[in-house]
Structures are given as structure tokens and as C-alpha cells.
Amino acid sequence: MAKCCAVATVVVSPDPNAVYGLVHDPQHIAFLQQRCRIYGSPDGSQAAGTKAPARLRLALEEMTVGVTKGFLRLQAASTCDGSTMICKEDIQTVVEEIEQELSGDMKRREPGDRRWRLSLQRHHRLQVFQDLWERGYIVTFGSKFGADFLIYKDNPKHTHAVALITVKEYEEEFERVDIVSFCRVAKMIKKGVSICKRSR
């Protein structure tokens, strides 16, 4: 897709679901948002005299798209802030494992050798996020409305989402009350609803 590459510093956590990336360079933030349809969330206050946030926080789903499509490179933080249980010298190894797992390249390591692994449920969310992104949507997170994701056809700063997305496991049953309440929320905020399941 793009020959340029943004860089995100990975903030490592003992909980794989709590790992995220931070993009510090304003040009990289603009590149991700304007050319790659990855909007992230602002981290910190807005830089003086600019519309861009001081830092852009990327969730695992956004990092996955960037790594697999080749427009995002992950790097280890240069220092450890003491809030993680992972030693400084191990952070680079963990970042390499994250990059390999997000790109689907974990065959190179034995399962017992890995320090970092995502749950199957989180993998399904990553796949749904990437599938929606590949279909041309801008995908953001929808927890405010009880959904997994929101999808947009254009810049989320200027348009409304077109649908709420919830992700279910392939054989997970739906409770009627959940579907009714989800549809009511969608109707109140004038959005479509999609329930996504990963095919086998």
C-alpha cells in the first residue's frame, strides 16, 4: 500500500491485551490518519499550534493492520518505567514476538518458548478489524455504544459512523435480549448493526 513507514513504540505489559503502541512523530501520525486510515486515540494534550495530538495511541488491532500491511514498524521503548514486570533486556524480545504474532508468523518459535501470546478470542477481533479495514472502512472502537467497533466511510472527525459492529465467536449463541438491546441502541443513534463472526 505505502512505501512510507510509521514507527510506534510498544508499551509492554504482562497482560497481552493491555499492550499498546505510541506514535510520537507528528508526520507519522498524519501519515497513519490521512493515508492509512488508522486514527488511533490521542494520548496526552494536543501539540501547540497543530491539530495533531502530542502522541497517538494505537491498540493491538491498529498495530496488526500496520504490521501486516507493512506501513508500521514496532520498536521497543528505550527505558523501562518500572510499571511492567518485564525486565528491560527482555522488552526487545517481547516486541519481536508481538510483531511476529500480529503478522501471523509465529511458526518460527515453539509454543513453549513464547513469552507473549494472545487469546483466540482476541485473534478473532483482530481478524474482524483487519477485514473491515481491508473493505475500505475506517474502523474505531465502539465501547461507548456497547459495540466492539464503529465503522466510517470517511474521516471520523468529520462524519458519523455508519454501523456498530459486535464480534462473536463462531459457535457462540445469541441471547434475544442482547440482540434487541443492541438494535435499540443502534436505532437511537441512527446507525446500522453488524454482528461479525469469523468463519471456520
N, C-alpha and C. Protein backbone atom coordinates (compact mmCIF):
# COMPACT_ATOMS: atom_id res chain seq x y z
N MET A 1 0.82 -1.19 0.00
CA MET A 1 0.00 0.00 0.00
C MET A 1 0.86 1.25 0.00
N ALA A 2 1.72 1.39 0.99
CA ALA A 2 2.50 2.61 1.11
C ALA A 2 3.96 2.27 1.26
N LYS A 3 4.82 3.10 0.68
CA LYS A 3 6.25 2.86 0.81
C LYS A 3 6.78 3.46 2.09
N CYS A 4 6.07 4.46 2.64
CA CYS A 4 6.49 5.08 3.90
C CYS A 4 6.19 4.12 5.04
N CYS A 5 6.79 4.41 6.16
CA CYS A 5 6.57 3.56 7.32
C CYS A 5 6.57 4.41 8.58
N ALA A 6 5.51 4.29 9.37
CA ALA A 6 5.45 4.96 10.66
C ALA A 6 6.09 4.05 11.70
N VAL A 7 6.49 4.64 12.82
CA VAL A 7 7.11 3.88 13.90
C VAL A 7 6.30 4.07 15.17
N ALA A 8 5.99 2.96 15.83
CA ALA A 8 5.28 3.00 17.11
C ALA A 8 6.15 2.37 18.18
N THR A 9 6.24 3.03 19.31
CA THR A 9 6.95 2.47 20.46
C THR A 9 5.96 1.60 21.23
N VAL A 10 6.32 0.34 21.44
CA VAL A 10 5.42 -0.59 22.10
C VAL A 10 5.53 -0.44 23.62
N VAL A 11 4.38 -0.29 24.26
CA VAL A 11 4.32 -0.26 25.72
C VAL A 11 3.90 -1.65 26.16
N VAL A 12 4.86 -2.38 26.72
CA VAL A 12 4.69 -3.80 27.03
C VAL A 12 4.03 -3.96 28.40
N SER A 13 3.20 -4.99 28.50
CA SER A 13 2.52 -5.31 29.75
C SER A 13 2.53 -6.82 29.92
N PRO A 14 2.51 -7.32 31.16
CA PRO A 14 2.40 -8.77 31.36
C PRO A 14 1.10 -9.33 30.78
N ASP A 15 0.06 -8.49 30.69
CA ASP A 15 -1.21 -8.89 30.09
C ASP A 15 -1.16 -8.54 28.61
N PRO A 16 -1.16 -9.55 27.72
CA PRO A 16 -1.08 -9.27 26.28
C PRO A 16 -2.16 -8.32 25.78
N ASN A 17 -3.34 -8.36 26.39
CA ASN A 17 -4.43 -7.49 25.94
C ASN A 17 -4.22 -6.03 26.31
N ALA A 18 -3.29 -5.76 27.21
CA ALA A 18 -3.04 -4.38 27.65
C ALA A 18 -1.88 -3.72 26.90
N VAL A 19 -1.27 -4.43 25.96
CA VAL A 19 -0.17 -3.88 25.18
C VAL A 19 -0.71 -2.86 24.18
N TYR A 20 0.00 -1.76 24.00
CA TYR A 20 -0.40 -0.77 23.01
C TYR A 20 0.85 -0.10 22.45
N GLY A 21 0.66 0.68 21.39
CA GLY A 21 1.77 1.40 20.78
C GLY A 21 1.56 2.90 20.87
N LEU A 22 2.66 3.65 20.93
CA LEU A 22 2.60 5.11 20.93
C LEU A 22 3.39 5.64 19.74
N VAL A 23 2.75 6.49 18.96
CA VAL A 23 3.42 7.16 17.84
C VAL A 23 3.68 8.59 18.29
N HIS A 24 4.96 9.00 18.26
CA HIS A 24 5.35 10.31 18.76
C HIS A 24 5.55 11.35 17.65
N ASP A 25 5.95 10.91 16.48
CA ASP A 25 6.29 11.83 15.39
C ASP A 25 5.02 12.37 14.73
N PRO A 26 4.82 13.70 14.70
CA PRO A 26 3.62 14.27 14.08
C PRO A 26 3.44 13.88 12.61
N GLN A 27 4.55 13.73 11.88
CA GLN A 27 4.45 13.31 10.48
C GLN A 27 3.95 11.87 10.38
N HIS A 28 4.38 11.03 11.30
CA HIS A 28 3.91 9.64 11.30
C HIS A 28 2.43 9.57 11.67
N ILE A 29 2.01 10.42 12.61
CA ILE A 29 0.59 10.48 12.99
C ILE A 29 -0.26 10.89 11.78
N ALA A 30 0.17 11.94 11.08
CA ALA A 30 -0.56 12.41 9.89
C ALA A 30 -0.58 11.32 8.81
N PHE A 31 0.54 10.64 8.62
CA PHE A 31 0.63 9.56 7.63
C PHE A 31 -0.38 8.45 7.96
N LEU A 32 -0.42 8.02 9.22
CA LEU A 32 -1.33 6.94 9.62
C LEU A 32 -2.79 7.36 9.43
N GLN A 33 -3.12 8.59 9.83
CA GLN A 33 -4.51 9.01 9.77
C GLN A 33 -4.96 9.37 8.35
N GLN A 34 -4.13 10.07 7.61
CA GLN A 34 -4.55 10.57 6.30
C GLN A 34 -4.35 9.57 5.17
N ARG A 35 -3.30 8.77 5.25
CA ARG A 35 -3.01 7.85 4.15
C ARG A 35 -3.37 6.40 4.44
N CYS A 36 -3.36 6.03 5.73
CA CYS A 36 -3.54 4.61 6.06
C CYS A 36 -4.86 4.30 6.76
N ARG A 37 -5.68 5.33 7.02
CA ARG A 37 -6.98 5.14 7.68
C ARG A 37 -6.86 4.51 9.07
N ILE A 38 -5.77 4.81 9.78
CA ILE A 38 -5.59 4.37 11.16
C ILE A 38 -5.62 5.63 12.03
N TYR A 39 -6.68 5.77 12.83
CA TYR A 39 -6.86 7.01 13.58
C TYR A 39 -6.41 6.94 15.03
N GLY A 40 -6.31 5.74 15.61
CA GLY A 40 -5.86 5.63 16.99
C GLY A 40 -6.66 6.51 17.92
N SER A 41 -6.08 6.80 19.07
CA SER A 41 -6.70 7.74 20.00
C SER A 41 -5.63 8.66 20.56
N PRO A 42 -5.98 9.93 20.79
CA PRO A 42 -4.98 10.88 21.29
C PRO A 42 -4.47 10.45 22.66
N ASP A 43 -3.20 10.63 22.88
CA ASP A 43 -2.59 10.32 24.17
C ASP A 43 -1.84 11.56 24.62
N GLY A 44 -2.33 12.22 25.63
CA GLY A 44 -1.71 13.47 26.05
C GLY A 44 -2.42 14.65 25.41
N SER A 45 -1.97 15.84 25.74
CA SER A 45 -2.61 17.05 25.21
C SER A 45 -2.14 17.33 23.79
N GLN A 46 -2.93 18.11 23.10
CA GLN A 46 -2.64 18.47 21.71
C GLN A 46 -1.38 19.33 21.62
N ALA A 47 -0.54 19.04 20.64
CA ALA A 47 0.68 19.83 20.45
C ALA A 47 0.32 21.27 20.08
N ALA A 48 1.06 22.23 20.62
CA ALA A 48 0.77 23.65 20.39
C ALA A 48 0.82 24.00 18.90
N GLY A 49 -0.22 24.69 18.44
CA GLY A 49 -0.27 25.17 17.06
C GLY A 49 -0.56 24.10 16.02
N THR A 50 -0.96 22.89 16.44
CA THR A 50 -1.25 21.83 15.47
C THR A 50 -2.61 21.21 15.78
N LYS A 51 -3.13 20.49 14.79
CA LYS A 51 -4.38 19.76 15.00
C LYS A 51 -4.10 18.34 15.48
N ALA A 52 -2.85 17.93 15.40
CA ALA A 52 -2.48 16.56 15.77
C ALA A 52 -2.25 16.45 17.28
N PRO A 53 -2.56 15.28 17.86
CA PRO A 53 -2.26 15.08 19.27
C PRO A 53 -0.75 14.98 19.48
N ALA A 54 -0.31 15.20 20.73
CA ALA A 54 1.12 15.09 21.03
C ALA A 54 1.61 13.68 20.75
N ARG A 55 0.78 12.70 21.07
CA ARG A 55 1.09 11.29 20.78
C ARG A 55 -0.19 10.61 20.33
N LEU A 56 -0.03 9.57 19.54
CA LEU A 56 -1.17 8.78 19.09
C LEU A 56 -1.04 7.39 19.68
N ARG A 57 -2.09 6.95 20.35
CA ARG A 57 -2.08 5.63 20.97
C ARG A 57 -2.75 4.64 20.02
N LEU A 58 -2.06 3.54 19.73
CA LEU A 58 -2.58 2.51 18.84
C LEU A 58 -2.91 1.25 19.62
N ALA A 59 -4.10 0.73 19.41
CA ALA A 59 -4.50 -0.55 20.01
C ALA A 59 -3.89 -1.69 19.19
N LEU A 60 -3.96 -2.89 19.73
CA LEU A 60 -3.41 -4.06 19.03
C LEU A 60 -4.01 -4.23 17.64
N GLU A 61 -5.32 -3.96 17.52
CA GLU A 61 -5.97 -4.11 16.22
C GLU A 61 -5.34 -3.18 15.19
N GLU A 62 -5.08 -1.96 15.57
CA GLU A 62 -4.48 -0.98 14.66
C GLU A 62 -3.03 -1.34 14.36
N MET A 63 -2.32 -1.83 15.37
CA MET A 63 -0.94 -2.26 15.15
C MET A 63 -0.90 -3.46 14.19
N THR A 64 -1.88 -4.36 14.32
CA THR A 64 -1.92 -5.54 13.45
C THR A 64 -2.02 -5.14 11.98
N VAL A 65 -2.96 -4.24 11.67
CA VAL A 65 -3.11 -3.79 10.29
C VAL A 65 -1.81 -3.16 9.79
N GLY A 66 -1.23 -2.28 10.59
CA GLY A 66 0.01 -1.61 10.18
C GLY A 66 1.16 -2.56 9.95
N VAL A 67 1.32 -3.55 10.83
CA VAL A 67 2.42 -4.52 10.70
C VAL A 67 2.19 -5.43 9.50
N THR A 68 0.97 -5.97 9.35
CA THR A 68 0.72 -6.91 8.25
C THR A 68 0.74 -6.22 6.89
N LYS A 69 0.36 -4.95 6.84
CA LYS A 69 0.36 -4.22 5.57
C LYS A 69 1.67 -3.50 5.30
N GLY A 70 2.58 -3.53 6.26
CA GLY A 70 3.93 -3.00 6.03
C GLY A 70 4.10 -1.51 6.18
N PHE A 71 3.11 -0.81 6.77
CA PHE A 71 3.29 0.63 6.93
C PHE A 71 3.56 1.04 8.39
N LEU A 72 3.76 0.05 9.26
CA LEU A 72 4.07 0.35 10.66
C LEU A 72 5.18 -0.57 11.14
N ARG A 73 6.16 0.05 11.78
CA ARG A 73 7.26 -0.72 12.39
C ARG A 73 7.18 -0.52 13.89
N LEU A 74 7.35 -1.61 14.64
CA LEU A 74 7.30 -1.54 16.09
C LEU A 74 8.71 -1.48 16.65
N GLN A 75 8.88 -0.68 17.68
CA GLN A 75 10.18 -0.62 18.35
C GLN A 75 9.97 -0.70 19.85
N ALA A 76 10.99 -1.19 20.54
CA ALA A 76 10.93 -1.29 22.00
C ALA A 76 11.20 0.07 22.61
N ALA A 77 10.58 0.32 23.76
CA ALA A 77 10.88 1.55 24.49
C ALA A 77 12.33 1.50 24.95
N SER A 78 13.00 2.64 24.95
CA SER A 78 14.42 2.66 25.32
C SER A 78 14.63 2.46 26.81
N THR A 79 13.62 2.75 27.61
CA THR A 79 13.74 2.54 29.06
C THR A 79 12.50 1.83 29.57
N CYS A 80 12.66 1.25 30.73
CA CYS A 80 11.56 0.56 31.40
C CYS A 80 11.07 1.47 32.52
N ASP A 81 9.77 1.72 32.60
CA ASP A 81 9.28 2.68 33.59
C ASP A 81 9.00 2.06 34.96
N GLY A 82 9.25 0.78 35.10
CA GLY A 82 9.05 0.13 36.39
C GLY A 82 7.63 -0.34 36.61
N SER A 83 6.70 0.03 35.72
CA SER A 83 5.31 -0.39 35.90
C SER A 83 5.07 -1.77 35.30
N THR A 84 6.01 -2.30 34.54
CA THR A 84 5.85 -3.63 33.97
C THR A 84 6.67 -4.63 34.75
N MET A 85 6.29 -5.89 34.63
CA MET A 85 7.01 -6.95 35.32
C MET A 85 8.06 -7.56 34.39
N ILE A 86 8.30 -6.94 33.25
CA ILE A 86 9.22 -7.48 32.26
C ILE A 86 10.53 -6.72 32.34
N CYS A 87 11.64 -7.43 32.41
CA CYS A 87 12.96 -6.80 32.51
C CYS A 87 13.28 -6.04 31.24
N LYS A 88 14.08 -5.00 31.37
CA LYS A 88 14.42 -4.13 30.25
C LYS A 88 15.03 -4.91 29.09
N GLU A 89 15.92 -5.85 29.41
CA GLU A 89 16.59 -6.59 28.33
C GLU A 89 15.65 -7.54 27.60
N ASP A 90 14.50 -7.86 28.23
CA ASP A 90 13.55 -8.77 27.58
C ASP A 90 12.55 -8.03 26.69
N ILE A 91 12.48 -6.71 26.81
CA ILE A 91 11.45 -5.96 26.08
C ILE A 91 11.61 -6.13 24.57
N GLN A 92 12.83 -6.06 24.05
CA GLN A 92 13.04 -6.20 22.61
C GLN A 92 12.58 -7.57 22.12
N THR A 93 12.85 -8.61 22.90
CA THR A 93 12.40 -9.96 22.53
C THR A 93 10.88 -10.01 22.49
N VAL A 94 10.23 -9.42 23.47
CA VAL A 94 8.77 -9.41 23.51
C VAL A 94 8.21 -8.62 22.32
N VAL A 95 8.82 -7.49 21.98
CA VAL A 95 8.37 -6.71 20.83
C VAL A 95 8.49 -7.53 19.55
N GLU A 96 9.58 -8.27 19.40
CA GLU A 96 9.75 -9.13 18.23
C GLU A 96 8.66 -10.20 18.19
N GLU A 97 8.33 -10.77 19.35
CA GLU A 97 7.26 -11.78 19.41
C GLU A 97 5.91 -11.17 19.05
N ILE A 98 5.66 -9.96 19.54
CA ILE A 98 4.41 -9.26 19.22
C ILE A 98 4.31 -9.06 17.71
N GLU A 99 5.39 -8.56 17.11
CA GLU A 99 5.41 -8.31 15.67
C GLU A 99 5.17 -9.61 14.90
N GLN A 100 5.80 -10.70 15.35
CA GLN A 100 5.63 -11.98 14.67
C GLN A 100 4.20 -12.49 14.82
N GLU A 101 3.64 -12.38 16.03
CA GLU A 101 2.28 -12.89 16.23
C GLU A 101 1.26 -12.04 15.47
N LEU A 102 1.42 -10.73 15.49
CA LEU A 102 0.47 -9.88 14.78
C LEU A 102 0.52 -10.10 13.28
N SER A 103 1.69 -10.45 12.76
CA SER A 103 1.81 -10.69 11.32
C SER A 103 1.53 -12.15 10.97
N GLY A 104 1.19 -12.97 11.98
CA GLY A 104 0.88 -14.38 11.74
C GLY A 104 2.09 -15.24 11.52
N ASP A 105 3.25 -14.81 11.98
CA ASP A 105 4.50 -15.52 11.72
C ASP A 105 5.07 -16.15 12.98
N MET A 106 4.23 -16.85 13.75
CA MET A 106 4.71 -17.46 14.99
C MET A 106 5.22 -18.88 14.78
N LYS A 107 5.28 -19.34 13.53
CA LYS A 107 5.76 -20.70 13.27
C LYS A 107 7.23 -20.84 13.61
N ARG A 108 7.94 -19.71 13.64
CA ARG A 108 9.38 -19.76 13.85
C ARG A 108 9.77 -20.10 15.27
N ARG A 109 8.80 -20.06 16.21
CA ARG A 109 9.11 -20.36 17.61
C ARG A 109 8.24 -21.50 18.10
N GLU A 110 8.78 -22.28 19.00
CA GLU A 110 8.00 -23.31 19.66
C GLU A 110 7.04 -22.62 20.63
N PRO A 111 5.80 -23.16 20.79
CA PRO A 111 4.84 -22.52 21.68
C PRO A 111 5.37 -22.28 23.09
N GLY A 112 6.16 -23.21 23.63
CA GLY A 112 6.69 -23.06 24.99
C GLY A 112 7.73 -21.96 25.11
N ASP A 113 8.32 -21.54 23.99
CA ASP A 113 9.36 -20.51 24.01
C ASP A 113 8.79 -19.09 24.02
N ARG A 114 7.50 -18.94 23.81
CA ARG A 114 6.91 -17.62 23.71
C ARG A 114 6.62 -17.03 25.08
N ARG A 115 6.90 -15.76 25.23
CA ARG A 115 6.55 -15.05 26.46
C ARG A 115 5.23 -14.31 26.28
N TRP A 116 4.84 -14.10 25.04
CA TRP A 116 3.70 -13.25 24.73
C TRP A 116 2.77 -13.96 23.78
N ARG A 117 1.51 -14.12 24.16
CA ARG A 117 0.55 -14.79 23.30
C ARG A 117 -0.85 -14.23 23.54
N LEU A 118 -1.58 -14.03 22.45
CA LEU A 118 -2.95 -13.53 22.55
C LEU A 118 -3.94 -14.68 22.64
N SER A 119 -5.09 -14.41 23.24
CA SER A 119 -6.15 -15.42 23.30
C SER A 119 -6.77 -15.58 21.91
N LEU A 120 -7.43 -16.71 21.70
CA LEU A 120 -8.10 -16.97 20.43
C LEU A 120 -9.19 -15.93 20.18
N GLN A 121 -9.89 -15.54 21.23
CA GLN A 121 -10.95 -14.52 21.09
C GLN A 121 -10.37 -13.19 20.61
N ARG A 122 -9.23 -12.80 21.14
CA ARG A 122 -8.61 -11.53 20.70
C ARG A 122 -8.13 -11.65 19.26
N HIS A 123 -7.63 -12.82 18.87
CA HIS A 123 -7.24 -13.03 17.47
C HIS A 123 -8.43 -12.83 16.55
N HIS A 124 -9.61 -13.31 16.95
CA HIS A 124 -10.80 -13.15 16.13
C HIS A 124 -11.14 -11.66 15.97
N ARG A 125 -11.03 -10.91 17.06
CA ARG A 125 -11.27 -9.45 16.98
C ARG A 125 -10.29 -8.79 16.02
N LEU A 126 -9.02 -9.20 16.09
CA LEU A 126 -8.01 -8.64 15.19
C LEU A 126 -8.36 -8.92 13.74
N GLN A 127 -8.84 -10.15 13.48
CA GLN A 127 -9.17 -10.53 12.11
C GLN A 127 -10.38 -9.77 11.59
N VAL A 128 -11.39 -9.58 12.44
CA VAL A 128 -12.57 -8.81 12.03
C VAL A 128 -12.18 -7.36 11.76
N PHE A 129 -11.38 -6.77 12.64
CA PHE A 129 -10.91 -5.39 12.45
C PHE A 129 -10.19 -5.26 11.11
N GLN A 130 -9.27 -6.20 10.85
CA GLN A 130 -8.49 -6.13 9.60
C GLN A 130 -9.38 -6.32 8.38
N ASP A 131 -10.35 -7.24 8.47
CA ASP A 131 -11.26 -7.47 7.35
C ASP A 131 -12.06 -6.20 7.03
N LEU A 132 -12.56 -5.54 8.06
CA LEU A 132 -13.32 -4.30 7.84
C LEU A 132 -12.42 -3.22 7.24
N TRP A 133 -11.18 -3.13 7.73
CA TRP A 133 -10.23 -2.15 7.20
C TRP A 133 -9.94 -2.44 5.72
N GLU A 134 -9.76 -3.73 5.39
CA GLU A 134 -9.46 -4.11 4.00
C GLU A 134 -10.64 -3.83 3.07
N ARG A 135 -11.84 -3.76 3.60
CA ARG A 135 -13.02 -3.43 2.80
C ARG A 135 -13.16 -1.93 2.58
N GLY A 136 -12.21 -1.16 3.10
CA GLY A 136 -12.19 0.28 2.85
C GLY A 136 -12.76 1.14 3.95
N TYR A 137 -13.19 0.53 5.05
CA TYR A 137 -13.75 1.32 6.15
C TYR A 137 -12.65 1.88 7.04
N ILE A 138 -12.98 2.95 7.73
CA ILE A 138 -12.17 3.43 8.84
C ILE A 138 -12.81 2.81 10.07
N VAL A 139 -12.01 2.10 10.85
CA VAL A 139 -12.54 1.35 11.99
C VAL A 139 -12.03 1.98 13.29
N THR A 140 -12.96 2.27 14.18
CA THR A 140 -12.59 2.77 15.51
C THR A 140 -13.28 1.88 16.55
N PHE A 141 -13.10 2.20 17.79
CA PHE A 141 -13.64 1.35 18.85
C PHE A 141 -14.98 1.88 19.33
N GLY A 142 -15.91 0.95 19.62
CA GLY A 142 -17.29 1.33 19.89
C GLY A 142 -17.78 1.06 21.29
N SER A 143 -16.89 0.97 22.26
CA SER A 143 -17.30 0.62 23.63
C SER A 143 -18.30 1.63 24.20
N LYS A 144 -18.24 2.87 23.75
CA LYS A 144 -19.19 3.90 24.21
C LYS A 144 -20.63 3.49 23.93
N PHE A 145 -20.84 2.70 22.87
CA PHE A 145 -22.19 2.27 22.49
C PHE A 145 -22.41 0.78 22.74
N GLY A 146 -21.52 0.14 23.47
CA GLY A 146 -21.67 -1.28 23.76
C GLY A 146 -21.27 -2.18 22.61
N ALA A 147 -20.54 -1.64 21.64
CA ALA A 147 -20.10 -2.42 20.48
C ALA A 147 -18.60 -2.63 20.54
N ASP A 148 -18.12 -3.53 19.71
CA ASP A 148 -16.67 -3.72 19.62
C ASP A 148 -16.04 -2.62 18.77
N PHE A 149 -16.67 -2.34 17.61
CA PHE A 149 -16.12 -1.36 16.68
C PHE A 149 -17.21 -0.47 16.12
N LEU A 150 -16.79 0.68 15.59
CA LEU A 150 -17.62 1.55 14.77
C LEU A 150 -16.94 1.63 13.41
N ILE A 151 -17.73 1.66 12.35
CA ILE A 151 -17.12 1.81 11.02
C ILE A 151 -17.60 3.10 10.37
N TYR A 152 -16.67 3.73 9.67
CA TYR A 152 -16.91 5.00 8.99
C TYR A 152 -16.51 4.86 7.53
N LYS A 153 -17.18 5.64 6.67
CA LYS A 153 -16.79 5.69 5.26
C LYS A 153 -15.81 6.82 4.99
N ASP A 154 -15.69 7.75 5.95
CA ASP A 154 -14.80 8.89 5.79
C ASP A 154 -14.24 9.27 7.16
N ASN A 155 -13.46 10.32 7.19
CA ASN A 155 -12.78 10.78 8.40
C ASN A 155 -13.74 10.85 9.60
N PRO A 156 -13.46 10.08 10.67
CA PRO A 156 -14.36 10.08 11.83
C PRO A 156 -14.45 11.42 12.55
N LYS A 157 -13.52 12.32 12.26
CA LYS A 157 -13.58 13.65 12.88
C LYS A 157 -14.63 14.52 12.21
N HIS A 158 -15.05 14.13 10.99
CA HIS A 158 -15.98 14.97 10.22
C HIS A 158 -17.29 14.27 9.86
N THR A 159 -17.38 12.96 10.05
CA THR A 159 -18.59 12.23 9.67
C THR A 159 -19.04 11.33 10.82
N HIS A 160 -20.23 10.79 10.68
CA HIS A 160 -20.77 9.86 11.67
C HIS A 160 -20.49 8.43 11.22
N ALA A 161 -20.42 7.54 12.19
CA ALA A 161 -20.24 6.12 11.89
C ALA A 161 -21.48 5.61 11.15
N VAL A 162 -21.27 4.63 10.27
CA VAL A 162 -22.39 4.06 9.53
C VAL A 162 -22.95 2.83 10.23
N ALA A 163 -22.14 2.17 11.07
CA ALA A 163 -22.64 0.96 11.73
C ALA A 163 -21.87 0.65 13.00
N LEU A 164 -22.58 -0.04 13.89
CA LEU A 164 -21.98 -0.62 15.09
C LEU A 164 -21.62 -2.07 14.76
N ILE A 165 -20.47 -2.50 15.20
CA ILE A 165 -20.01 -3.87 14.94
C ILE A 165 -19.79 -4.58 16.26
N THR A 166 -20.35 -5.77 16.39
CA THR A 166 -20.04 -6.60 17.55
C THR A 166 -19.47 -7.92 17.03
N VAL A 167 -18.48 -8.43 17.74
CA VAL A 167 -17.78 -9.65 17.31
C VAL A 167 -18.20 -10.80 18.21
N LYS A 168 -18.60 -11.90 17.61
CA LYS A 168 -19.00 -13.10 18.34
C LYS A 168 -18.16 -14.28 17.86
N GLU A 169 -17.99 -15.26 18.74
CA GLU A 169 -17.29 -16.49 18.35
C GLU A 169 -18.16 -17.26 17.37
N TYR A 170 -17.55 -18.14 16.58
CA TYR A 170 -18.26 -18.84 15.51
C TYR A 170 -19.49 -19.59 16.03
N GLU A 171 -19.34 -20.31 17.15
CA GLU A 171 -20.46 -21.10 17.66
C GLU A 171 -21.13 -20.46 18.87
N GLU A 172 -20.81 -19.22 19.15
CA GLU A 172 -21.40 -18.53 20.30
C GLU A 172 -22.87 -18.24 20.02
N GLU A 173 -23.71 -18.56 20.99
CA GLU A 173 -25.14 -18.32 20.83
C GLU A 173 -25.48 -16.87 21.17
N PHE A 174 -26.54 -16.39 20.55
CA PHE A 174 -27.02 -15.04 20.80
C PHE A 174 -28.23 -15.10 21.72
N GLU A 175 -28.22 -14.26 22.73
CA GLU A 175 -29.42 -14.11 23.56
C GLU A 175 -30.32 -13.09 22.87
N ARG A 176 -31.61 -13.39 22.83
CA ARG A 176 -32.55 -12.47 22.19
C ARG A 176 -32.49 -11.08 22.79
N VAL A 177 -32.41 -11.03 24.10
CA VAL A 177 -32.40 -9.73 24.78
C VAL A 177 -31.17 -8.91 24.38
N ASP A 178 -30.03 -9.57 24.14
CA ASP A 178 -28.82 -8.86 23.71
C ASP A 178 -29.01 -8.25 22.33
N ILE A 179 -29.60 -9.03 21.43
CA ILE A 179 -29.82 -8.53 20.07
C ILE A 179 -30.81 -7.36 20.08
N VAL A 180 -31.88 -7.51 20.86
CA VAL A 180 -32.88 -6.44 20.93
C VAL A 180 -32.26 -5.16 21.49
N SER A 181 -31.49 -5.28 22.58
CA SER A 181 -30.91 -4.07 23.17
C SER A 181 -29.87 -3.44 22.25
N PHE A 182 -29.09 -4.27 21.57
CA PHE A 182 -28.09 -3.76 20.64
C PHE A 182 -28.76 -3.01 19.49
N CYS A 183 -29.85 -3.58 18.97
CA CYS A 183 -30.57 -2.92 17.87
C CYS A 183 -31.24 -1.63 18.33
N ARG A 184 -31.72 -1.61 19.57
CA ARG A 184 -32.33 -0.38 20.09
C ARG A 184 -31.31 0.75 20.18
N VAL A 185 -30.13 0.42 20.69
CA VAL A 185 -29.07 1.43 20.78
C VAL A 185 -28.76 1.96 19.38
N ALA A 186 -28.60 1.03 18.42
CA ALA A 186 -28.26 1.43 17.05
C ALA A 186 -29.35 2.33 16.45
N LYS A 187 -30.61 1.99 16.72
CA LYS A 187 -31.71 2.79 16.17
C LYS A 187 -31.72 4.19 16.79
N MET A 188 -31.47 4.27 18.11
CA MET A 188 -31.47 5.57 18.79
C MET A 188 -30.39 6.49 18.24
N ILE A 189 -29.25 5.93 17.87
CA ILE A 189 -28.16 6.78 17.37
C ILE A 189 -28.05 6.74 15.84
N LYS A 190 -29.09 6.14 15.21
CA LYS A 190 -29.20 6.12 13.75
C LYS A 190 -27.99 5.48 13.06
N LYS A 191 -27.67 4.28 13.50
CA LYS A 191 -26.57 3.52 12.91
C LYS A 191 -27.08 2.15 12.49
N GLY A 192 -26.39 1.54 11.55
CA GLY A 192 -26.66 0.16 11.19
C GLY A 192 -26.03 -0.76 12.23
N VAL A 193 -26.36 -2.04 12.15
CA VAL A 193 -25.81 -3.04 13.07
C VAL A 193 -25.24 -4.19 12.26
N SER A 194 -24.06 -4.64 12.64
CA SER A 194 -23.49 -5.86 12.05
C SER A 194 -22.95 -6.72 13.17
N ILE A 195 -23.30 -8.00 13.12
CA ILE A 195 -22.74 -8.96 14.06
C ILE A 195 -21.79 -9.82 13.26
N CYS A 196 -20.53 -9.77 13.61
CA CYS A 196 -19.49 -10.44 12.83
C CYS A 196 -19.01 -11.69 13.53
N LYS A 197 -18.92 -12.76 12.76
CA LYS A 197 -18.34 -13.99 13.24
C LYS A 197 -17.24 -14.39 12.28
N ARG A 198 -16.19 -14.90 12.83
CA ARG A 198 -15.10 -15.38 11.98
C ARG A 198 -15.51 -16.72 11.42
N SER A 199 -15.38 -16.90 10.10
CA SER A 199 -15.72 -18.19 9.51
C SER A 199 -14.66 -19.20 9.88
N ARG A 200 -15.02 -20.47 9.84
CA ARG A 200 -14.07 -21.50 10.24
C ARG A 200 -12.91 -21.58 9.29
